[in-house]
Amino acid sequence: MNDEDFLRFFADAVGAEEGSVTLDTQLSTLEGWDSVAYLSTMIYLDESVGVAVSPEQLVEAKTVADILAFAHSPQ
């Protein structure tokens, strides 16, 4: 998974237009960043990257880049 793949997935998960979400996007500005998007993101990262990101990590995340940092960090 590269960043562009994740951004496409993530925009869809939060109901945003493709290309409107960047790594710097603040999660608090996304109406669709809800419990369904949390779960979808956790499943996507587990299945695509083999990384288990916890709900606590997602709550800590402030930007899309923060989510990717958790996904790229050693478990």
C-alpha atoms as a PDB file:
ATOM      1  CA  MET A   1       0.000   0.000   0.000  1.00  0.00           C
ATOM      2  CA  ASN A   2       1.328   3.413  -0.907  1.00  0.00           C
ATOM      3  CA  ASP A   3       0.081   6.775   0.354  1.00  0.00           C
ATOM      4  CA  GLU A   4      -2.017   7.420  -2.755  1.00  0.00           C
ATOM      5  CA  ASP A   5      -3.825   4.085  -2.363  1.00  0.00           C
ATOM      6  CA  PHE A   6      -4.583   4.894   1.251  1.00  0.00           C
ATOM      7  CA  LEU A   7      -5.776   8.421   0.423  1.00  0.00           C
ATOM      8  CA  ARG A   8      -8.181   7.029  -2.183  1.00  0.00           C
ATOM      9  CA  PHE A   9      -9.507   4.473   0.278  1.00  0.00           C
ATOM     10  CA  PHE A  10      -9.743   7.014   3.085  1.00  0.00           C
ATOM     11  CA  ALA A  11     -11.598   9.614   1.016  1.00  0.00           C
ATOM     12  CA  ASP A  12     -14.152   6.959   0.133  1.00  0.00           C
ATOM     13  CA  ALA A  13     -14.398   5.773   3.765  1.00  0.00           C
ATOM     14  CA  VAL A  14     -15.212   9.274   5.025  1.00  0.00           C
ATOM     15  CA  GLY A  15     -17.476  10.144   2.103  1.00  0.00           C
ATOM     16  CA  ALA A  16     -15.171  12.812   0.665  1.00  0.00           C
ATOM     17  CA  GLU A  17     -14.410  13.430  -2.986  1.00  0.00           C
ATOM     18  CA  GLU A  18     -11.351  11.647  -4.317  1.00  0.00           C
ATOM     19  CA  GLY A  19      -8.406  14.020  -4.207  1.00  0.00           C
ATOM     20  CA  SER A  20      -9.927  16.202  -1.487  1.00  0.00           C
ATOM     21  CA  VAL A  21      -8.155  14.388   1.351  1.00  0.00           C
ATOM     22  CA  THR A  22      -4.415  14.892   1.798  1.00  0.00           C
ATOM     23  CA  LEU A  23      -1.918  13.713   4.369  1.00  0.00           C
ATOM     24  CA  ASP A  24      -2.294  17.077   6.117  1.00  0.00           C
ATOM     25  CA  THR A  25      -6.086  16.887   6.349  1.00  0.00           C
ATOM     26  CA  GLN A  26      -7.243  17.382   9.924  1.00  0.00           C
ATOM     27  CA  LEU A  27      -9.503  14.496  10.897  1.00  0.00           C
ATOM     28  CA  SER A  28     -11.693  16.853  12.932  1.00  0.00           C
ATOM     29  CA  THR A  29     -12.696  18.631   9.709  1.00  0.00           C
ATOM     30  CA  LEU A  30     -14.134  15.477   8.129  1.00  0.00           C
ATOM     31  CA  GLU A  31     -17.851  14.953   8.761  1.00  0.00           C
ATOM     32  CA  GLY A  32     -17.521  11.319   7.775  1.00  0.00           C
ATOM     33  CA  TRP A  33     -14.772  10.518  10.274  1.00  0.00           C
ATOM     34  CA  ASP A  34     -17.034   8.463  12.513  1.00  0.00           C
ATOM     35  CA  SER A  35     -17.161   5.012  14.073  1.00  0.00           C
ATOM     36  CA  VAL A  36     -17.891   3.353  10.728  1.00  0.00           C
ATOM     37  CA  ALA A  37     -14.877   5.067   9.137  1.00  0.00           C
ATOM     38  CA  TYR A  38     -12.739   4.081  12.161  1.00  0.00           C
ATOM     39  CA  LEU A  39     -13.689   0.441  11.723  1.00  0.00           C
ATOM     40  CA  SER A  40     -13.254   0.547   7.932  1.00  0.00           C
ATOM     41  CA  THR A  41      -9.797   2.071   8.371  1.00  0.00           C
ATOM     42  CA  MET A  42      -8.754  -0.534  10.916  1.00  0.00           C
ATOM     43  CA  ILE A  43      -9.917  -3.365   8.625  1.00  0.00           C
ATOM     44  CA  TYR A  44      -8.294  -1.828   5.526  1.00  0.00           C
ATOM     45  CA  LEU A  45      -4.928  -1.463   7.260  1.00  0.00           C
ATOM     46  CA  ASP A  46      -5.099  -4.970   8.688  1.00  0.00           C
ATOM     47  CA  GLU A  47      -5.983  -6.533   5.337  1.00  0.00           C
ATOM     48  CA  SER A  48      -3.820  -4.336   3.071  1.00  0.00           C
ATOM     49  CA  VAL A  49      -0.735  -3.883   5.205  1.00  0.00           C
ATOM     50  CA  GLY A  50      -1.082  -6.539   7.885  1.00  0.00           C
ATOM     51  CA  VAL A  51      -0.936  -3.880  10.601  1.00  0.00           C
ATOM     52  CA  ALA A  52      -3.328  -3.786  13.512  1.00  0.00           C
ATOM     53  CA  VAL A  53      -4.024  -0.150  14.366  1.00  0.00           C
ATOM     54  CA  SER A  54      -5.901   0.139  17.642  1.00  0.00           C
ATOM     55  CA  PRO A  55      -8.961   2.286  18.300  1.00  0.00           C
ATOM     56  CA  GLU A  56      -6.849   4.219  20.803  1.00  0.00           C
ATOM     57  CA  GLN A  57      -4.325   5.090  18.102  1.00  0.00           C
ATOM     58  CA  LEU A  58      -7.090   6.323  15.809  1.00  0.00           C
ATOM     59  CA  VAL A  59      -8.482   8.505  18.597  1.00  0.00           C
ATOM     60  CA  GLU A  60      -4.980   9.978  19.113  1.00  0.00           C
ATOM     61  CA  ALA A  61      -4.564  10.741  15.406  1.00  0.00           C
ATOM     62  CA  LYS A  62      -5.076  14.367  14.406  1.00  0.00           C
ATOM     63  CA  THR A  63      -4.270  14.116  10.692  1.00  0.00           C
ATOM     64  CA  VAL A  64      -4.399  11.489   7.978  1.00  0.00           C
ATOM     65  CA  ALA A  65      -0.590  11.372   8.152  1.00  0.00           C
ATOM     66  CA  ASP A  66      -0.850  10.349  11.817  1.00  0.00           C
ATOM     67  CA  ILE A  67      -2.883   7.284  10.820  1.00  0.00           C
ATOM     68  CA  LEU A  68      -0.273   6.329   8.233  1.00  0.00           C
ATOM     69  CA  ALA A  69       2.500   6.821  10.793  1.00  0.00           C
ATOM     70  CA  PHE A  70       0.815   4.260  13.046  1.00  0.00           C
ATOM     71  CA  ALA A  71       0.416   1.930  10.073  1.00  0.00           C
ATOM     72  CA  HIS A  72       4.095   2.246   9.123  1.00  0.00           C
ATOM     73  CA  SER A  73       5.496   1.966  12.653  1.00  0.00           C
ATOM     74  CA  PRO A  74       6.850  -1.374  13.856  1.00  0.00           C
ATOM     75  CA  GLN A  75       4.371  -3.329  15.930  1.00  0.00           C
END
